Amino acid sequence: MLVGMGLPEGLAAAIAGWDVGASKDALFDDGKQLSTLIGRATTPLSVSVAEAIKG
């Protein structure tokens, strides 16, 4: 599908691999690295979505 949309084959394969990895919790990190990097606690996606819906 990605190649059909004009992406180079190598990039399409990489994106597909990232998606598979993300679906298997490859992005999960219990080490608080993002919080350390941004200097504050992270906000759960559910909270961000709820705030966006409220307007």
C-alpha atoms as a PDB file:
ATOM      1  CA  MET A   1       0.000   0.000   0.000  1.00  0.00           C
ATOM      2  CA  LEU A   2       2.737   2.488   0.907  1.00  0.00           C
ATOM      3  CA  VAL A   3       4.705   1.703  -2.234  1.00  0.00           C
ATOM      4  CA  GLY A   4       1.505   2.099  -4.221  1.00  0.00           C
ATOM      5  CA  MET A   5       1.202   5.592  -2.773  1.00  0.00           C
ATOM      6  CA  GLY A   6       4.633   6.464  -4.129  1.00  0.00           C
ATOM      7  CA  LEU A   7       6.970   5.787  -1.221  1.00  0.00           C
ATOM      8  CA  PRO A   8      10.286   4.135  -2.013  1.00  0.00           C
ATOM      9  CA  GLU A   9      10.227   0.425  -1.212  1.00  0.00           C
ATOM     10  CA  GLY A  10      12.878   0.679   1.513  1.00  0.00           C
ATOM     11  CA  LEU A  11      11.051   3.471   3.328  1.00  0.00           C
ATOM     12  CA  ALA A  12       7.739   1.635   3.045  1.00  0.00           C
ATOM     13  CA  ALA A  13       9.301  -1.488   4.557  1.00  0.00           C
ATOM     14  CA  ALA A  14      10.808   0.561   7.400  1.00  0.00           C
ATOM     15  CA  ILE A  15       7.503   2.237   8.221  1.00  0.00           C
ATOM     16  CA  ALA A  16       5.699  -1.106   8.161  1.00  0.00           C
ATOM     17  CA  GLY A  17       8.334  -2.529  10.514  1.00  0.00           C
ATOM     18  CA  TRP A  18       7.951   0.369  12.928  1.00  0.00           C
ATOM     19  CA  ASP A  19       4.199  -0.163  12.963  1.00  0.00           C
ATOM     20  CA  VAL A  20       4.605  -3.863  13.749  1.00  0.00           C
ATOM     21  CA  GLY A  21       7.099  -3.026  16.494  1.00  0.00           C
ATOM     22  CA  ALA A  22       4.780  -0.434  18.028  1.00  0.00           C
ATOM     23  CA  SER A  23       1.946  -2.966  18.071  1.00  0.00           C
ATOM     24  CA  LYS A  24       4.189  -5.255  20.137  1.00  0.00           C
ATOM     25  CA  ASP A  25       4.962  -2.557  22.744  1.00  0.00           C
ATOM     26  CA  ALA A  26       8.386  -1.754  21.308  1.00  0.00           C
ATOM     27  CA  LEU A  27       7.801   1.899  22.261  1.00  0.00           C
ATOM     28  CA  PHE A  28       7.014   1.079  25.898  1.00  0.00           C
ATOM     29  CA  ASP A  29       9.547   2.515  28.313  1.00  0.00           C
ATOM     30  CA  ASP A  30       9.114   2.315  32.066  1.00  0.00           C
ATOM     31  CA  GLY A  31      12.388   4.181  32.604  1.00  0.00           C
ATOM     32  CA  LYS A  32      10.838   7.687  32.505  1.00  0.00           C
ATOM     33  CA  GLN A  33      13.319   8.748  29.798  1.00  0.00           C
ATOM     34  CA  LEU A  34      10.835  11.059  28.055  1.00  0.00           C
ATOM     35  CA  SER A  35       9.922  12.781  31.327  1.00  0.00           C
ATOM     36  CA  THR A  36      13.595  13.329  32.039  1.00  0.00           C
ATOM     37  CA  LEU A  37      14.188  14.675  28.550  1.00  0.00           C
ATOM     38  CA  ILE A  38      11.292  17.168  28.602  1.00  0.00           C
ATOM     39  CA  GLY A  39      11.710  18.100  32.262  1.00  0.00           C
ATOM     40  CA  ARG A  40       8.149  17.298  33.357  1.00  0.00           C
ATOM     41  CA  ALA A  41       5.793  14.386  33.800  1.00  0.00           C
ATOM     42  CA  THR A  42       4.273  13.034  30.618  1.00  0.00           C
ATOM     43  CA  THR A  43       0.556  13.321  29.956  1.00  0.00           C
ATOM     44  CA  PRO A  44      -1.379  10.128  29.205  1.00  0.00           C
ATOM     45  CA  LEU A  45      -2.921  10.092  25.733  1.00  0.00           C
ATOM     46  CA  SER A  46      -6.379   9.566  27.243  1.00  0.00           C
ATOM     47  CA  VAL A  47      -6.035  12.818  29.213  1.00  0.00           C
ATOM     48  CA  SER A  48      -4.836  14.761  26.164  1.00  0.00           C
ATOM     49  CA  VAL A  49      -7.725  13.469  24.054  1.00  0.00           C
ATOM     50  CA  ALA A  50     -10.276  14.246  26.771  1.00  0.00           C
ATOM     51  CA  GLU A  51      -8.937  17.799  27.093  1.00  0.00           C
ATOM     52  CA  ALA A  52      -9.017  18.275  23.314  1.00  0.00           C
ATOM     53  CA  ILE A  53     -12.627  17.077  23.155  1.00  0.00           C
ATOM     54  CA  LYS A  54     -13.681  19.486  25.891  1.00  0.00           C
ATOM     55  CA  GLY A  55     -12.279  22.331  23.778  1.00  0.00           C
END
